[in-house]
Structures are given as C-alpha cells and as structure tokens.
C-alpha cells in the first residue's frame, strides 16, 4: 500500500496550497508590508499543516475492514480540525501585529484549494 502522503492528489493539493500561500504572502507584503506577508503566511500555513496532519493519520492506519476505515477517516478529520483550531488560536494570541485581512484571505484561499485533489488523476 502506498503511503497516503505520497499519492499524487495529496501532493498536488499540498503543493497548490503552499504555492497559493506564498503568492498571498507576496501580495500582502506588497500591500500591507512585512506584517501582512507574515499574516498571510500564517493563514495559509494553518491549512497546509492541517492537511498534512490529516494525511499522516490516514497513512499510519492499515485499514482491513470498513469499520476501521471509517474510524480512521473520522480520526483524521478530528486531527485536521484540532490542528486548525490549535494553530489558529496560537497565531491569533501570539502574533500581536496580525493583519486580519491578509490572514483571513490566505486562509480562505488555502481552504478553497483543498478541492484540487478531485482534479488530479492517479
């Protein structure tokens, strides 16, 4: 069985999200300065890390049955949500110069790009 992280859909999704995050950071840096660039980087990185956490949980499991597969999917989704909540809380509380517009824009764009996996063929 191929580890989930190395499948083309997962790699493409994480690559697109990382690229969009860098593009958002560049644009936010031009528009709002260094704080905007850092905020946009954090916003996109939250979703990239959450997708990575999801893929790691899926990769660790070797699901021989339907029940185990469903349990693994729920656990992976819970890990993804927990990662989003924890990293968002950490960024908002620790980074005092957060530019909300840049942060939220990069976050939303990265979330929307999580659908890229549906367009990638294996």
C-alpha atoms as a PDB file:
ATOM      1  CA  UNK A   1       0.000   0.000   0.000  1.00  0.00           C
ATOM      2  CA  UNK A   2       1.312   3.443  -0.955  1.00  0.00           C
ATOM      3  CA  UNK A   3       1.625   5.904   1.920  1.00  0.00           C
ATOM      4  CA  UNK A   4      -1.137   8.466   1.634  1.00  0.00           C
ATOM      5  CA  UNK A   5       1.271  11.415   1.711  1.00  0.00           C
ATOM      6  CA  UNK A   6       2.967  10.297  -1.495  1.00  0.00           C
ATOM      7  CA  UNK A   7      -0.169   9.947  -3.606  1.00  0.00           C
ATOM      8  CA  UNK A   8      -0.465  12.456  -6.467  1.00  0.00           C
ATOM      9  CA  UNK A   9      -3.743  14.034  -5.239  1.00  0.00           C
ATOM     10  CA  UNK A  10      -2.339  14.768  -1.774  1.00  0.00           C
ATOM     11  CA  UNK A  11       0.963  16.051  -3.106  1.00  0.00           C
ATOM     12  CA  UNK A  12      -0.810  18.249  -5.661  1.00  0.00           C
ATOM     13  CA  UNK A  13      -3.176  19.678  -3.051  1.00  0.00           C
ATOM     14  CA  UNK A  14      -0.396  20.486  -0.586  1.00  0.00           C
ATOM     15  CA  UNK A  15       1.724  21.985  -3.387  1.00  0.00           C
ATOM     16  CA  UNK A  16      -1.105  24.191  -4.648  1.00  0.00           C
ATOM     17  CA  UNK A  17      -1.920  25.330  -1.115  1.00  0.00           C
ATOM     18  CA  UNK A  18       1.736  26.101  -0.378  1.00  0.00           C
ATOM     19  CA  UNK A  19       2.111  27.977  -3.663  1.00  0.00           C
ATOM     20  CA  UNK A  20      -1.040  29.991  -3.076  1.00  0.00           C
ATOM     21  CA  UNK A  21       0.164  30.779   0.434  1.00  0.00           C
ATOM     22  CA  UNK A  22       3.447  32.125  -0.917  1.00  0.00           C
ATOM     23  CA  UNK A  23       1.624  34.158  -3.566  1.00  0.00           C
ATOM     24  CA  UNK A  24      -0.745  35.585  -0.939  1.00  0.00           C
ATOM     25  CA  UNK A  25       2.224  36.420   1.271  1.00  0.00           C
ATOM     26  CA  UNK A  26       3.945  38.216  -1.591  1.00  0.00           C
ATOM     27  CA  UNK A  27       0.843  40.227  -2.476  1.00  0.00           C
ATOM     28  CA  UNK A  28       0.077  41.003   1.171  1.00  0.00           C
ATOM     29  CA  UNK A  29       3.688  42.040   1.668  1.00  0.00           C
ATOM     30  CA  UNK A  30       3.440  44.491  -1.209  1.00  0.00           C
ATOM     31  CA  UNK A  31       0.108  45.821   0.020  1.00  0.00           C
ATOM     32  CA  UNK A  32       0.458  45.720   3.838  1.00  0.00           C
ATOM     33  CA  UNK A  33       4.197  45.372   4.399  1.00  0.00           C
ATOM     34  CA  UNK A  34       6.030  42.755   6.417  1.00  0.00           C
ATOM     35  CA  UNK A  35       3.190  42.218   8.900  1.00  0.00           C
ATOM     36  CA  UNK A  36       0.800  41.492   6.033  1.00  0.00           C
ATOM     37  CA  UNK A  37       3.213  38.991   4.499  1.00  0.00           C
ATOM     38  CA  UNK A  38       3.741  37.195   7.804  1.00  0.00           C
ATOM     39  CA  UNK A  39      -0.011  37.171   8.500  1.00  0.00           C
ATOM     40  CA  UNK A  40      -0.794  35.707   5.077  1.00  0.00           C
ATOM     41  CA  UNK A  41       1.903  33.082   5.540  1.00  0.00           C
ATOM     42  CA  UNK A  42       0.385  32.051   8.846  1.00  0.00           C
ATOM     43  CA  UNK A  43      -3.125  31.974   7.359  1.00  0.00           C
ATOM     44  CA  UNK A  44      -2.189  29.619   4.552  1.00  0.00           C
ATOM     45  CA  UNK A  45       0.213  27.565   6.613  1.00  0.00           C
ATOM     46  CA  UNK A  46      -2.565  26.660   9.044  1.00  0.00           C
ATOM     47  CA  UNK A  47      -4.422  24.815   6.277  1.00  0.00           C
ATOM     48  CA  UNK A  48      -1.272  23.221   4.855  1.00  0.00           C
ATOM     49  CA  UNK A  49      -0.357  21.854   8.300  1.00  0.00           C
ATOM     50  CA  UNK A  50      -3.911  20.615   8.840  1.00  0.00           C
ATOM     51  CA  UNK A  51      -3.854  18.779   5.509  1.00  0.00           C
ATOM     52  CA  UNK A  52      -0.505  17.290   6.414  1.00  0.00           C
ATOM     53  CA  UNK A  53      -1.882  16.117   9.790  1.00  0.00           C
ATOM     54  CA  UNK A  54      -4.850  14.503   8.016  1.00  0.00           C
ATOM     55  CA  UNK A  55      -2.540  12.692   5.596  1.00  0.00           C
ATOM     56  CA  UNK A  56      -0.280  11.460   8.395  1.00  0.00           C
ATOM     57  CA  UNK A  57      -3.202   9.972  10.346  1.00  0.00           C
ATOM     58  CA  UNK A  58      -4.520   8.259   7.217  1.00  0.00           C
ATOM     59  CA  UNK A  59      -1.029   6.946   6.379  1.00  0.00           C
ATOM     60  CA  UNK A  60      -0.470   5.420   9.807  1.00  0.00           C
ATOM     61  CA  UNK A  61      -3.591   3.271   9.617  1.00  0.00           C
ATOM     62  CA  UNK A  62      -3.753  -0.007   7.769  1.00  0.00           C
ATOM     63  CA  UNK A  63      -7.494  -0.453   7.433  1.00  0.00           C
ATOM     64  CA  UNK A  64      -8.512  -4.075   6.885  1.00  0.00           C
ATOM     65  CA  UNK A  65     -12.245  -3.501   7.406  1.00  0.00           C
ATOM     66  CA  UNK A  66     -14.928  -0.957   6.671  1.00  0.00           C
ATOM     67  CA  UNK A  67     -15.356  -0.115  10.355  1.00  0.00           C
ATOM     68  CA  UNK A  68     -11.637   0.546  10.789  1.00  0.00           C
ATOM     69  CA  UNK A  69     -11.569   2.650   7.637  1.00  0.00           C
ATOM     70  CA  UNK A  70     -14.456   4.805   8.845  1.00  0.00           C
ATOM     71  CA  UNK A  71     -12.887   5.151  12.284  1.00  0.00           C
ATOM     72  CA  UNK A  72      -9.612   6.231  10.681  1.00  0.00           C
ATOM     73  CA  UNK A  73     -11.364   8.793   8.494  1.00  0.00           C
ATOM     74  CA  UNK A  74     -13.181  10.294  11.478  1.00  0.00           C
ATOM     75  CA  UNK A  75      -9.956  10.355  13.499  1.00  0.00           C
ATOM     76  CA  UNK A  76      -8.086  12.017  10.614  1.00  0.00           C
ATOM     77  CA  UNK A  77     -10.814  14.637  10.239  1.00  0.00           C
ATOM     78  CA  UNK A  78     -10.712  15.278  14.001  1.00  0.00           C
ATOM     79  CA  UNK A  79      -6.930  15.696  13.823  1.00  0.00           C
ATOM     80  CA  UNK A  80      -7.346  18.164  10.961  1.00  0.00           C
ATOM     81  CA  UNK A  81      -9.939  20.228  12.833  1.00  0.00           C
ATOM     82  CA  UNK A  82      -7.880  20.162  16.036  1.00  0.00           C
ATOM     83  CA  UNK A  83      -4.804  21.313  14.110  1.00  0.00           C
ATOM     84  CA  UNK A  84      -6.745  24.184  12.546  1.00  0.00           C
ATOM     85  CA  UNK A  85      -8.190  25.301  15.887  1.00  0.00           C
ATOM     86  CA  UNK A  86      -4.901  24.999  17.787  1.00  0.00           C
ATOM     87  CA  UNK A  87      -2.733  26.740  15.193  1.00  0.00           C
ATOM     88  CA  UNK A  88      -5.307  29.478  14.619  1.00  0.00           C
ATOM     89  CA  UNK A  89      -5.544  30.081  18.360  1.00  0.00           C
ATOM     90  CA  UNK A  90      -1.743  30.142  18.647  1.00  0.00           C
ATOM     91  CA  UNK A  91      -1.303  32.634  15.801  1.00  0.00           C
ATOM     92  CA  UNK A  92      -4.098  34.959  16.907  1.00  0.00           C
ATOM     93  CA  UNK A  93      -2.972  35.054  20.539  1.00  0.00           C
ATOM     94  CA  UNK A  94       0.799  35.148  19.988  1.00  0.00           C
ATOM     95  CA  UNK A  95       1.316  37.334  16.912  1.00  0.00           C
ATOM     96  CA  UNK A  96       0.375  40.821  18.063  1.00  0.00           C
ATOM     97  CA  UNK A  97       0.836  42.547  14.681  1.00  0.00           C
ATOM     98  CA  UNK A  98      -1.549  40.222  12.850  1.00  0.00           C
ATOM     99  CA  UNK A  99      -3.132  41.766   9.772  1.00  0.00           C
ATOM    100  CA  UNK A 100      -6.604  40.238   9.801  1.00  0.00           C
ATOM    101  CA  UNK A 101      -7.391  40.807   6.123  1.00  0.00           C
ATOM    102  CA  UNK A 102      -4.199  39.152   4.877  1.00  0.00           C
ATOM    103  CA  UNK A 103      -4.502  36.310   7.372  1.00  0.00           C
ATOM    104  CA  UNK A 104      -8.138  35.569   6.528  1.00  0.00           C
ATOM    105  CA  UNK A 105      -7.668  35.908   2.744  1.00  0.00           C
ATOM    106  CA  UNK A 106      -4.794  33.404   2.658  1.00  0.00           C
ATOM    107  CA  UNK A 107      -6.707  31.077   4.991  1.00  0.00           C
ATOM    108  CA  UNK A 108      -9.814  31.079   2.771  1.00  0.00           C
ATOM    109  CA  UNK A 109      -7.840  30.644  -0.450  1.00  0.00           C
ATOM    110  CA  UNK A 110      -5.961  27.668   1.013  1.00  0.00           C
ATOM    111  CA  UNK A 111      -9.253  26.130   2.182  1.00  0.00           C
ATOM    112  CA  UNK A 112     -10.768  26.508  -1.273  1.00  0.00           C
ATOM    113  CA  UNK A 113      -7.729  24.850  -2.842  1.00  0.00           C
ATOM    114  CA  UNK A 114      -8.287  21.707  -0.798  1.00  0.00           C
ATOM    115  CA  UNK A 115     -10.578  20.621  -3.653  1.00  0.00           C
ATOM    116  CA  UNK A 116      -7.624  20.326  -6.053  1.00  0.00           C
ATOM    117  CA  UNK A 117      -7.307  16.632  -5.193  1.00  0.00           C
ATOM    118  CA  UNK A 118     -10.518  15.886  -7.107  1.00  0.00           C
ATOM    119  CA  UNK A 119      -8.930  17.049 -10.361  1.00  0.00           C
ATOM    120  CA  UNK A 120      -5.729  15.017 -10.072  1.00  0.00           C
ATOM    121  CA  UNK A 121      -5.639  11.583 -11.632  1.00  0.00           C
ATOM    122  CA  UNK A 122      -3.646   8.805 -10.014  1.00  0.00           C
END
